[in-house]
C-alpha atoms as a PDB file:
ATOM      1  CA  UNK A   1       0.000   0.000   0.000  1.00  0.00           C
ATOM      2  CA  UNK A   2       1.164   3.531  -0.810  1.00  0.00           C
ATOM      3  CA  UNK A   3       0.270   5.766   2.160  1.00  0.00           C
ATOM      4  CA  UNK A   4       2.377   8.873   1.481  1.00  0.00           C
ATOM      5  CA  UNK A   5       3.269  11.113  -1.417  1.00  0.00           C
ATOM      6  CA  UNK A   6       4.896   8.960  -4.079  1.00  0.00           C
ATOM      7  CA  UNK A   7       5.673   8.902  -7.782  1.00  0.00           C
ATOM      8  CA  UNK A   8       5.925   5.739  -9.851  1.00  0.00           C
ATOM      9  CA  UNK A   9       7.673   6.323 -13.173  1.00  0.00           C
ATOM     10  CA  UNK A  10       8.405   3.712 -15.860  1.00  0.00           C
ATOM     11  CA  UNK A  11       7.312   0.761 -13.719  1.00  0.00           C
ATOM     12  CA  UNK A  12       5.598  -2.563 -14.374  1.00  0.00           C
ATOM     13  CA  UNK A  13       3.209  -3.923 -11.757  1.00  0.00           C
ATOM     14  CA  UNK A  14       2.195  -7.410 -12.870  1.00  0.00           C
ATOM     15  CA  UNK A  15       0.976 -10.754 -11.621  1.00  0.00           C
ATOM     16  CA  UNK A  16       0.039  -9.818  -8.056  1.00  0.00           C
ATOM     17  CA  UNK A  17      -2.850 -11.315  -6.046  1.00  0.00           C
ATOM     18  CA  UNK A  18      -4.846  -9.970  -3.089  1.00  0.00           C
ATOM     19  CA  UNK A  19      -7.534 -11.661  -1.056  1.00  0.00           C
ATOM     20  CA  UNK A  20      -9.535  -8.450  -0.758  1.00  0.00           C
ATOM     21  CA  UNK A  21      -8.668  -5.116  -2.406  1.00  0.00           C
ATOM     22  CA  UNK A  22      -6.056  -3.649  -4.730  1.00  0.00           C
ATOM     23  CA  UNK A  23      -3.848  -6.468  -5.951  1.00  0.00           C
ATOM     24  CA  UNK A  24      -1.565  -4.217  -7.994  1.00  0.00           C
ATOM     25  CA  UNK A  25      -1.495  -0.896  -6.143  1.00  0.00           C
ATOM     26  CA  UNK A  26      -3.460   0.451  -3.192  1.00  0.00           C
ATOM     27  CA  UNK A  27      -3.170   4.248  -3.205  1.00  0.00           C
ATOM     28  CA  UNK A  28      -4.416   5.496   0.143  1.00  0.00           C
ATOM     29  CA  UNK A  29      -2.032   8.401   0.692  1.00  0.00           C
ATOM     30  CA  UNK A  30      -2.090  12.103   0.105  1.00  0.00           C
ATOM     31  CA  UNK A  31      -0.796  12.107  -3.468  1.00  0.00           C
ATOM     32  CA  UNK A  32       0.303   9.327  -5.802  1.00  0.00           C
ATOM     33  CA  UNK A  33       1.397   9.714  -9.423  1.00  0.00           C
ATOM     34  CA  UNK A  34       1.773   6.883 -11.931  1.00  0.00           C
ATOM     35  CA  UNK A  35       3.395   7.761 -15.261  1.00  0.00           C
ATOM     36  CA  UNK A  36       4.575   5.512 -18.092  1.00  0.00           C
ATOM     37  CA  UNK A  37       3.505   2.419 -16.127  1.00  0.00           C
ATOM     38  CA  UNK A  38       2.081  -0.988 -16.997  1.00  0.00           C
ATOM     39  CA  UNK A  39      -0.420  -2.483 -14.518  1.00  0.00           C
ATOM     40  CA  UNK A  40      -1.397  -5.916 -15.803  1.00  0.00           C
ATOM     41  CA  UNK A  41      -2.425  -9.409 -14.781  1.00  0.00           C
ATOM     42  CA  UNK A  42      -3.263  -8.559 -11.169  1.00  0.00           C
ATOM     43  CA  UNK A  43      -6.185 -10.204  -9.347  1.00  0.00           C
ATOM     44  CA  UNK A  44      -8.135  -9.082  -6.245  1.00  0.00           C
ATOM     45  CA  UNK A  45     -10.776 -11.032  -4.366  1.00  0.00           C
ATOM     46  CA  UNK A  46     -13.109  -8.094  -3.806  1.00  0.00           C
ATOM     47  CA  UNK A  47     -12.418  -4.756  -5.559  1.00  0.00           C
ATOM     48  CA  UNK A  48      -9.697  -3.036  -7.583  1.00  0.00           C
ATOM     49  CA  UNK A  49      -7.836  -5.749  -9.427  1.00  0.00           C
ATOM     50  CA  UNK A  50      -5.239  -3.377 -10.832  1.00  0.00           C
ATOM     51  CA  UNK A  51      -5.462  -0.244  -8.667  1.00  0.00           C
ATOM     52  CA  UNK A  52      -7.490   0.616  -5.562  1.00  0.00           C
ATOM     53  CA  UNK A  53      -7.744   4.340  -4.764  1.00  0.00           C
ATOM     54  CA  UNK A  54      -8.954   5.969  -1.553  1.00  0.00           C
ATOM     55  CA  UNK A  55      -6.664   9.016  -1.562  1.00  0.00           C
ATOM     56  CA  UNK A  56      -5.413  11.191  -4.431  1.00  0.00           C
ATOM     57  CA  UNK A  57      -3.923   9.769  -7.602  1.00  0.00           C
ATOM     58  CA  UNK A  58      -2.957  10.819 -11.120  1.00  0.00           C
ATOM     59  CA  UNK A  59      -2.638   7.937 -13.544  1.00  0.00           C
ATOM     60  CA  UNK A  60      -1.079   9.329 -16.727  1.00  0.00           C
ATOM     61  CA  UNK A  61       0.265   7.634 -19.851  1.00  0.00           C
ATOM     62  CA  UNK A  62      -0.205   4.168 -18.407  1.00  0.00           C
ATOM     63  CA  UNK A  63      -1.656   0.852 -19.576  1.00  0.00           C
ATOM     64  CA  UNK A  64      -4.037  -0.900 -17.168  1.00  0.00           C
ATOM     65  CA  UNK A  65      -4.910  -4.232 -18.742  1.00  0.00           C
ATOM     66  CA  UNK A  66      -5.968  -7.815 -17.989  1.00  0.00           C
ATOM     67  CA  UNK A  67      -6.621  -7.237 -14.288  1.00  0.00           C
ATOM     68  CA  UNK A  68      -9.397  -9.037 -12.408  1.00  0.00           C
ATOM     69  CA  UNK A  69     -11.769  -8.330  -9.499  1.00  0.00           C
ATOM     70  CA  UNK A  70     -15.502  -8.760  -8.794  1.00  0.00           C
ATOM     71  CA  UNK A  71     -15.830  -4.939  -8.799  1.00  0.00           C
ATOM     72  CA  UNK A  72     -13.536  -2.543 -10.639  1.00  0.00           C
ATOM     73  CA  UNK A  73     -11.295  -4.938 -12.505  1.00  0.00           C
ATOM     74  CA  UNK A  74      -8.913  -2.235 -13.708  1.00  0.00           C
ATOM     75  CA  UNK A  75      -9.234   0.677 -11.283  1.00  0.00           C
ATOM     76  CA  UNK A  76     -11.567   0.959  -8.317  1.00  0.00           C
ATOM     77  CA  UNK A  77     -12.158   4.469  -6.959  1.00  0.00           C
ATOM     78  CA  UNK A  78     -13.214   4.411  -3.289  1.00  0.00           C
ATOM     79  CA  UNK A  79     -16.271   6.082  -1.795  1.00  0.00           C
ATOM     80  CA  UNK A  80     -14.535   9.296  -0.687  1.00  0.00           C
ATOM     81  CA  UNK A  81     -11.390   9.819  -2.783  1.00  0.00           C
ATOM     82  CA  UNK A  82      -9.591  13.146  -2.456  1.00  0.00           C
ATOM     83  CA  UNK A  83      -8.681  13.793  -6.095  1.00  0.00           C
ATOM     84  CA  UNK A  84      -8.513  11.323  -8.970  1.00  0.00           C
ATOM     85  CA  UNK A  85      -7.257  12.080 -12.475  1.00  0.00           C
ATOM     86  CA  UNK A  86      -6.861   9.416 -15.147  1.00  0.00           C
ATOM     87  CA  UNK A  87      -5.445  10.752 -18.411  1.00  0.00           C
ATOM     88  CA  UNK A  88      -3.634   9.622 -21.561  1.00  0.00           C
ATOM     89  CA  UNK A  89      -4.151   6.060 -20.278  1.00  0.00           C
ATOM     90  CA  UNK A  90      -5.355   2.801 -21.811  1.00  0.00           C
ATOM     91  CA  UNK A  91      -7.859   0.875 -19.646  1.00  0.00           C
ATOM     92  CA  UNK A  92      -8.625  -2.249 -21.591  1.00  0.00           C
ATOM     93  CA  UNK A  93      -9.595  -5.907 -21.227  1.00  0.00           C
ATOM     94  CA  UNK A  94      -9.977  -5.836 -17.443  1.00  0.00           C
ATOM     95  CA  UNK A  95     -12.415  -8.420 -16.085  1.00  0.00           C
ATOM     96  CA  UNK A  96     -15.025  -7.879 -13.370  1.00  0.00           C
ATOM     97  CA  UNK A  97     -18.474  -9.143 -12.481  1.00  0.00           C
ATOM     98  CA  UNK A  98     -19.574  -5.503 -12.370  1.00  0.00           C
ATOM     99  CA  UNK A  99     -17.761  -2.502 -13.918  1.00  0.00           C
ATOM    100  CA  UNK A 100     -14.778  -3.761 -15.874  1.00  0.00           C
ATOM    101  CA  UNK A 101     -12.451  -0.779 -16.079  1.00  0.00           C
ATOM    102  CA  UNK A 102     -12.819   2.275 -13.802  1.00  0.00           C
ATOM    103  CA  UNK A 103     -15.542   2.096 -11.167  1.00  0.00           C
ATOM    104  CA  UNK A 104     -17.252   5.225  -9.792  1.00  0.00           C
ATOM    105  CA  UNK A 105     -16.695   8.714 -11.121  1.00  0.00           C
ATOM    106  CA  UNK A 106     -13.365  10.468 -11.430  1.00  0.00           C
ATOM    107  CA  UNK A 107     -11.781  12.920 -13.868  1.00  0.00           C
ATOM    108  CA  UNK A 108     -11.102  10.697 -16.858  1.00  0.00           C
ATOM    109  CA  UNK A 109     -10.005  12.266 -20.134  1.00  0.00           C
ATOM    110  CA  UNK A 110      -8.037  11.505 -23.277  1.00  0.00           C
ATOM    111  CA  UNK A 111      -8.063   7.760 -22.617  1.00  0.00           C
ATOM    112  CA  UNK A 112      -8.806   4.502 -24.403  1.00  0.00           C
ATOM    113  CA  UNK A 113     -11.433   2.730 -22.284  1.00  0.00           C
ATOM    114  CA  UNK A 114     -12.755  -0.718 -23.068  1.00  0.00           C
ATOM    115  CA  UNK A 115     -16.531  -0.580 -22.696  1.00  0.00           C
ATOM    116  CA  UNK A 116     -16.459   3.192 -22.202  1.00  0.00           C
ATOM    117  CA  UNK A 117     -17.332   5.364 -19.212  1.00  0.00           C
ATOM    118  CA  UNK A 118     -20.233   7.843 -19.320  1.00  0.00           C
ATOM    119  CA  UNK A 119     -18.247  10.581 -17.529  1.00  0.00           C
ATOM    120  CA  UNK A 120     -15.038  10.224 -19.580  1.00  0.00           C
ATOM    121  CA  UNK A 121     -14.255  13.107 -21.945  1.00  0.00           C
ATOM    122  CA  UNK A 122     -12.291  13.131 -25.192  1.00  0.00           C
ATOM    123  CA  UNK A 123     -11.874   9.371 -24.882  1.00  0.00           C
ATOM    124  CA  UNK A 124     -12.339   6.455 -27.254  1.00  0.00           C
ATOM    125  CA  UNK A 125     -13.448   2.855 -26.831  1.00  0.00           C
ATOM    126  CA  UNK A 126     -11.904   1.156 -29.868  1.00  0.00           C
ATOM    127  CA  UNK A 127      -9.194  -1.515 -29.762  1.00  0.00           C
ATOM    128  CA  UNK A 128      -5.850   0.237 -29.086  1.00  0.00           C
ATOM    129  CA  UNK A 129      -4.095  -2.208 -31.445  1.00  0.00           C
ATOM    130  CA  UNK A 130      -1.177  -3.321 -29.322  1.00  0.00           C
ATOM    131  CA  UNK A 131       1.741  -5.035 -31.034  1.00  0.00           C
ATOM    132  CA  UNK A 132       1.268  -8.354 -29.181  1.00  0.00           C
ATOM    133  CA  UNK A 133      -1.279  -8.369 -26.353  1.00  0.00           C
ATOM    134  CA  UNK A 134      -0.981 -12.103 -25.727  1.00  0.00           C
ATOM    135  CA  UNK A 135       2.715 -11.764 -24.939  1.00  0.00           C
ATOM    136  CA  UNK A 136       2.501  -8.473 -23.047  1.00  0.00           C
ATOM    137  CA  UNK A 137       3.842  -6.164 -25.754  1.00  0.00           C
ATOM    138  CA  UNK A 138       1.723  -3.040 -25.265  1.00  0.00           C
ATOM    139  CA  UNK A 139       3.524  -0.879 -27.794  1.00  0.00           C
ATOM    140  CA  UNK A 140       1.240   0.613 -30.443  1.00  0.00           C
ATOM    141  CA  UNK A 141       0.945  -0.730 -33.952  1.00  0.00           C
ATOM    142  CA  UNK A 142       1.009   1.699 -36.896  1.00  0.00           C
ATOM    143  CA  UNK A 143      -2.538   2.955 -37.304  1.00  0.00           C
ATOM    144  CA  UNK A 144      -3.444   2.552 -33.633  1.00  0.00           C
ATOM    145  CA  UNK A 145      -6.259   4.933 -32.603  1.00  0.00           C
ATOM    146  CA  UNK A 146      -4.163   5.836 -29.537  1.00  0.00           C
ATOM    147  CA  UNK A 147      -1.460   7.535 -31.634  1.00  0.00           C
ATOM    148  CA  UNK A 148      -1.493  11.346 -31.264  1.00  0.00           C
ATOM    149  CA  UNK A 149      -4.767  11.182 -29.314  1.00  0.00           C
ATOM    150  CA  UNK A 150      -3.639  12.334 -25.852  1.00  0.00           C
ATOM    151  CA  UNK A 151      -3.261  15.845 -24.477  1.00  0.00           C
ATOM    152  CA  UNK A 152       0.232  17.264 -23.977  1.00  0.00           C
ATOM    153  CA  UNK A 153      -0.573  19.170 -20.791  1.00  0.00           C
ATOM    154  CA  UNK A 154      -1.756  15.974 -19.098  1.00  0.00           C
ATOM    155  CA  UNK A 155       1.739  14.483 -19.367  1.00  0.00           C
ATOM    156  CA  UNK A 156       3.429  14.449 -15.955  1.00  0.00           C
ATOM    157  CA  UNK A 157       6.194  16.992 -15.359  1.00  0.00           C
ATOM    158  CA  UNK A 158       9.745  15.671 -15.175  1.00  0.00           C
ATOM    159  CA  UNK A 159      10.079  15.983 -11.383  1.00  0.00           C
ATOM    160  CA  UNK A 160      12.589  13.117 -11.247  1.00  0.00           C
ATOM    161  CA  UNK A 161      14.682  14.545 -14.117  1.00  0.00           C
ATOM    162  CA  UNK A 162      14.371  11.354 -16.148  1.00  0.00           C
ATOM    163  CA  UNK A 163      16.799  12.546 -18.841  1.00  0.00           C
ATOM    164  CA  UNK A 164      19.299  14.065 -16.373  1.00  0.00           C
ATOM    165  CA  UNK A 165      19.328  17.467 -18.082  1.00  0.00           C
ATOM    166  CA  UNK A 166      18.621  19.483 -14.934  1.00  0.00           C
ATOM    167  CA  UNK A 167      15.224  20.672 -16.231  1.00  0.00           C
ATOM    168  CA  UNK A 168      12.371  19.508 -14.007  1.00  0.00           C
ATOM    169  CA  UNK A 169       9.884  22.029 -15.438  1.00  0.00           C
ATOM    170  CA  UNK A 170       9.620  20.149 -18.740  1.00  0.00           C
ATOM    171  CA  UNK A 171       7.103  17.418 -19.457  1.00  0.00           C
ATOM    172  CA  UNK A 172       8.340  13.867 -18.898  1.00  0.00           C
ATOM    173  CA  UNK A 173      10.631  13.530 -21.929  1.00  0.00           C
ATOM    174  CA  UNK A 174      10.864   9.732 -22.250  1.00  0.00           C
ATOM    175  CA  UNK A 175       8.420   6.845 -22.488  1.00  0.00           C
ATOM    176  CA  UNK A 176       8.660   3.391 -20.919  1.00  0.00           C
ATOM    177  CA  UNK A 177      11.184   2.326 -23.574  1.00  0.00           C
ATOM    178  CA  UNK A 178      13.363   5.385 -22.991  1.00  0.00           C
ATOM    179  CA  UNK A 179      12.304   6.857 -26.332  1.00  0.00           C
ATOM    180  CA  UNK A 180      10.890  10.359 -26.853  1.00  0.00           C
ATOM    181  CA  UNK A 181       7.663  10.746 -24.856  1.00  0.00           C
ATOM    182  CA  UNK A 182       6.104  12.972 -27.525  1.00  0.00           C
ATOM    183  CA  UNK A 183       6.485  12.211 -31.222  1.00  0.00           C
ATOM    184  CA  UNK A 184       4.505  13.032 -34.342  1.00  0.00           C
ATOM    185  CA  UNK A 185       2.843   9.815 -35.426  1.00  0.00           C
ATOM    186  CA  UNK A 186       0.961  11.471 -38.271  1.00  0.00           C
ATOM    187  CA  UNK A 187      -2.542  10.844 -36.906  1.00  0.00           C
ATOM    188  CA  UNK A 188      -3.312  14.474 -35.996  1.00  0.00           C
ATOM    189  CA  UNK A 189      -1.840  17.503 -37.651  1.00  0.00           C
ATOM    190  CA  UNK A 190      -2.455  21.218 -37.411  1.00  0.00           C
ATOM    191  CA  UNK A 191      -2.551  21.248 -33.620  1.00  0.00           C
ATOM    192  CA  UNK A 192       0.021  24.014 -33.284  1.00  0.00           C
ATOM    193  CA  UNK A 193       2.548  22.105 -31.189  1.00  0.00           C
ATOM    194  CA  UNK A 194       5.336  20.103 -32.871  1.00  0.00           C
ATOM    195  CA  UNK A 195       3.601  16.858 -31.887  1.00  0.00           C
ATOM    196  CA  UNK A 196       0.738  15.465 -29.783  1.00  0.00           C
ATOM    197  CA  UNK A 197       1.394  12.772 -27.191  1.00  0.00           C
ATOM    198  CA  UNK A 198       0.087   9.230 -27.642  1.00  0.00           C
ATOM    199  CA  UNK A 199      -2.200   7.480 -25.185  1.00  0.00           C
ATOM    200  CA  UNK A 200      -0.445   4.703 -23.263  1.00  0.00           C
ATOM    201  CA  UNK A 201       2.945   3.914 -21.762  1.00  0.00           C
ATOM    202  CA  UNK A 202       4.781   3.730 -25.099  1.00  0.00           C
ATOM    203  CA  UNK A 203       5.069   6.444 -27.733  1.00  0.00           C
ATOM    204  CA  UNK A 204       4.830   5.408 -31.360  1.00  0.00           C
ATOM    205  CA  UNK A 205       8.111   6.711 -32.743  1.00  0.00           C
ATOM    206  CA  UNK A 206       7.207   8.673 -35.854  1.00  0.00           C
ATOM    207  CA  UNK A 207       9.107  11.970 -35.710  1.00  0.00           C
ATOM    208  CA  UNK A 208      10.237  12.562 -32.085  1.00  0.00           C
ATOM    209  CA  UNK A 209      10.491  16.148 -30.887  1.00  0.00           C
ATOM    210  CA  UNK A 210      13.937  17.323 -29.805  1.00  0.00           C
ATOM    211  CA  UNK A 211      13.069  20.294 -27.575  1.00  0.00           C
ATOM    212  CA  UNK A 212      12.194  20.577 -23.903  1.00  0.00           C
ATOM    213  CA  UNK A 213       8.411  20.961 -23.959  1.00  0.00           C
ATOM    214  CA  UNK A 214       6.681  22.624 -21.007  1.00  0.00           C
ATOM    215  CA  UNK A 215       3.031  23.272 -20.205  1.00  0.00           C
ATOM    216  CA  UNK A 216       2.027  26.390 -22.106  1.00  0.00           C
ATOM    217  CA  UNK A 217       4.506  26.074 -24.970  1.00  0.00           C
ATOM    218  CA  UNK A 218       1.743  25.835 -27.560  1.00  0.00           C
ATOM    219  CA  UNK A 219       3.951  26.572 -30.563  1.00  0.00           C
ATOM    220  CA  UNK A 220       6.787  24.267 -29.505  1.00  0.00           C
ATOM    221  CA  UNK A 221       9.587  26.807 -29.803  1.00  0.00           C
ATOM    222  CA  UNK A 222      11.121  25.817 -26.480  1.00  0.00           C
ATOM    223  CA  UNK A 223       9.958  28.912 -24.594  1.00  0.00           C
ATOM    224  CA  UNK A 224       6.759  30.199 -23.046  1.00  0.00           C
ATOM    225  CA  UNK A 225       6.547  33.688 -24.475  1.00  0.00           C
ATOM    226  CA  UNK A 226       4.430  36.291 -26.231  1.00  0.00           C
ATOM    227  CA  UNK A 227       3.622  33.933 -29.098  1.00  0.00           C
ATOM    228  CA  UNK A 228       1.963  31.502 -26.701  1.00  0.00           C
ATOM    229  CA  UNK A 229       0.127  34.414 -25.071  1.00  0.00           C
ATOM    230  CA  UNK A 230      -1.233  35.536 -28.435  1.00  0.00           C
ATOM    231  CA  UNK A 231      -2.298  31.969 -29.238  1.00  0.00           C
ATOM    232  CA  UNK A 232      -4.178  31.741 -25.951  1.00  0.00           C
ATOM    233  CA  UNK A 233      -5.939  35.068 -26.432  1.00  0.00           C
ATOM    234  CA  UNK A 234      -6.947  34.239 -30.001  1.00  0.00           C
ATOM    235  CA  UNK A 235      -8.528  30.962 -28.849  1.00  0.00           C
ATOM    236  CA  UNK A 236     -10.388  32.537 -25.902  1.00  0.00           C
ATOM    237  CA  UNK A 237     -13.661  30.791 -25.076  1.00  0.00           C
ATOM    238  CA  UNK A 238     -14.873  27.238 -25.524  1.00  0.00           C
ATOM    239  CA  UNK A 239     -12.528  24.717 -27.108  1.00  0.00           C
ATOM    240  CA  UNK A 240     -13.502  24.259 -30.741  1.00  0.00           C
ATOM    241  CA  UNK A 241     -11.016  21.602 -31.840  1.00  0.00           C
ATOM    242  CA  UNK A 242      -9.839  18.270 -30.465  1.00  0.00           C
ATOM    243  CA  UNK A 243      -6.345  19.546 -29.640  1.00  0.00           C
ATOM    244  CA  UNK A 244      -7.139  22.768 -27.790  1.00  0.00           C
ATOM    245  CA  UNK A 245      -3.589  23.305 -26.519  1.00  0.00           C
ATOM    246  CA  UNK A 246      -4.468  26.799 -25.326  1.00  0.00           C
ATOM    247  CA  UNK A 247      -6.564  25.061 -22.666  1.00  0.00           C
ATOM    248  CA  UNK A 248      -3.726  24.751 -20.152  1.00  0.00           C
ATOM    249  CA  UNK A 249      -5.888  23.508 -17.285  1.00  0.00           C
ATOM    250  CA  UNK A 250      -7.701  21.073 -19.633  1.00  0.00           C
ATOM    251  CA  UNK A 251     -11.250  21.955 -18.592  1.00  0.00           C
ATOM    252  CA  UNK A 252     -12.701  22.533 -22.064  1.00  0.00           C
ATOM    253  CA  UNK A 253     -12.565  26.326 -22.031  1.00  0.00           C
ATOM    254  CA  UNK A 254      -9.812  28.929 -22.480  1.00  0.00           C
ATOM    255  CA  UNK A 255     -10.252  31.585 -19.808  1.00  0.00           C
ATOM    256  CA  UNK A 256      -8.540  33.506 -17.031  1.00  0.00           C
ATOM    257  CA  UNK A 257      -7.357  30.321 -15.327  1.00  0.00           C
ATOM    258  CA  UNK A 258      -5.362  29.360 -18.416  1.00  0.00           C
ATOM    259  CA  UNK A 259      -3.999  32.894 -18.649  1.00  0.00           C
ATOM    260  CA  UNK A 260      -2.827  32.773 -15.043  1.00  0.00           C
ATOM    261  CA  UNK A 261      -1.141  29.402 -15.601  1.00  0.00           C
ATOM    262  CA  UNK A 262       0.626  30.736 -18.674  1.00  0.00           C
ATOM    263  CA  UNK A 263       1.906  33.811 -16.854  1.00  0.00           C
ATOM    264  CA  UNK A 264       3.062  31.676 -13.899  1.00  0.00           C
ATOM    265  CA  UNK A 265       5.081  29.464 -16.253  1.00  0.00           C
ATOM    266  CA  UNK A 266       6.500  32.341 -18.334  1.00  0.00           C
ATOM    267  CA  UNK A 267       9.953  31.427 -19.675  1.00  0.00           C
ATOM    268  CA  UNK A 268      10.006  28.081 -17.844  1.00  0.00           C
ATOM    269  CA  UNK A 269      11.430  26.057 -20.741  1.00  0.00           C
ATOM    270  CA  UNK A 270      14.286  28.409 -21.460  1.00  0.00           C
END
C-alpha cells in the first residue's frame, strides 16, 4: 500500500494477487502519481484488481490491462477519494463481475477505455491495437487509434529529471522504452505544437520532438513567451477543436485560469 506522497515512473506492476482489495497498487495516501507504467495481470478477491484508490492519484500515460476483481477490474475508486485524475491512459480488457475498467466517477479524459465510461471526456473505446497483447507487448501498432490522441498538458512533469538534463519544469521527456515521450505519429496535424502525445505507456516513434516541452509552450519553440500568449488570447472561449492546446488547465474552455497558468510558467522552458 502507498500511504504517502509517491511517484511511480516507468514501472511494471504485474501478476500480483490480493484476497480483498487492490492487488496491484493500493493508493491510500495524500498524493500518488503513476506515469509511463504498466499495470497488468493482477487479481483481487473483492475490488480493484489493478489499482485501488482511496486518496489522491494521477494515472497518466499508463496501460491498465488484464486485471481481475468482482468490482472494478482495472481501477476501483473508493467512496470518498480526495482527487482522482486518469489521463492519456489505456484501460482495456480488465475483467469484473460488475464494472470492468474504472468504477465510480473520477476525472477521466483523453483515454482509451474498453466498454467506455459515461463521464469520460475526449476518450475512445476502440481496440488500441497493441503489437502483441498475448505476450505483453503493449507498444502501439502503426494505425493505432491511440497515436497522437492524448493531451500534452496531461503528461506528468519531469520531477525526477528522467533525462538528467537538470530541467524539471519540462514534461516527462521519455516513455517506458526510454524513447521520446512525444512524437509526431501522423494521426493528428495542425494542432500548433510540434507533436501530440500518444495514449499509453509507449510512444509510437514517428518523428520525435527534440526540444524541452513545457506546459504552455503551444507553438513548440522551447519557450513560453508572447507567441503563446497571443495563441491563448486568439482561442479565448470554448474549445472548438480536439487539440485545444491553449486550454492549459484542460477543462474545455480557455479563460482567465489558463492565462494565469501561462503567466506563472513564463519562460520556464528556457
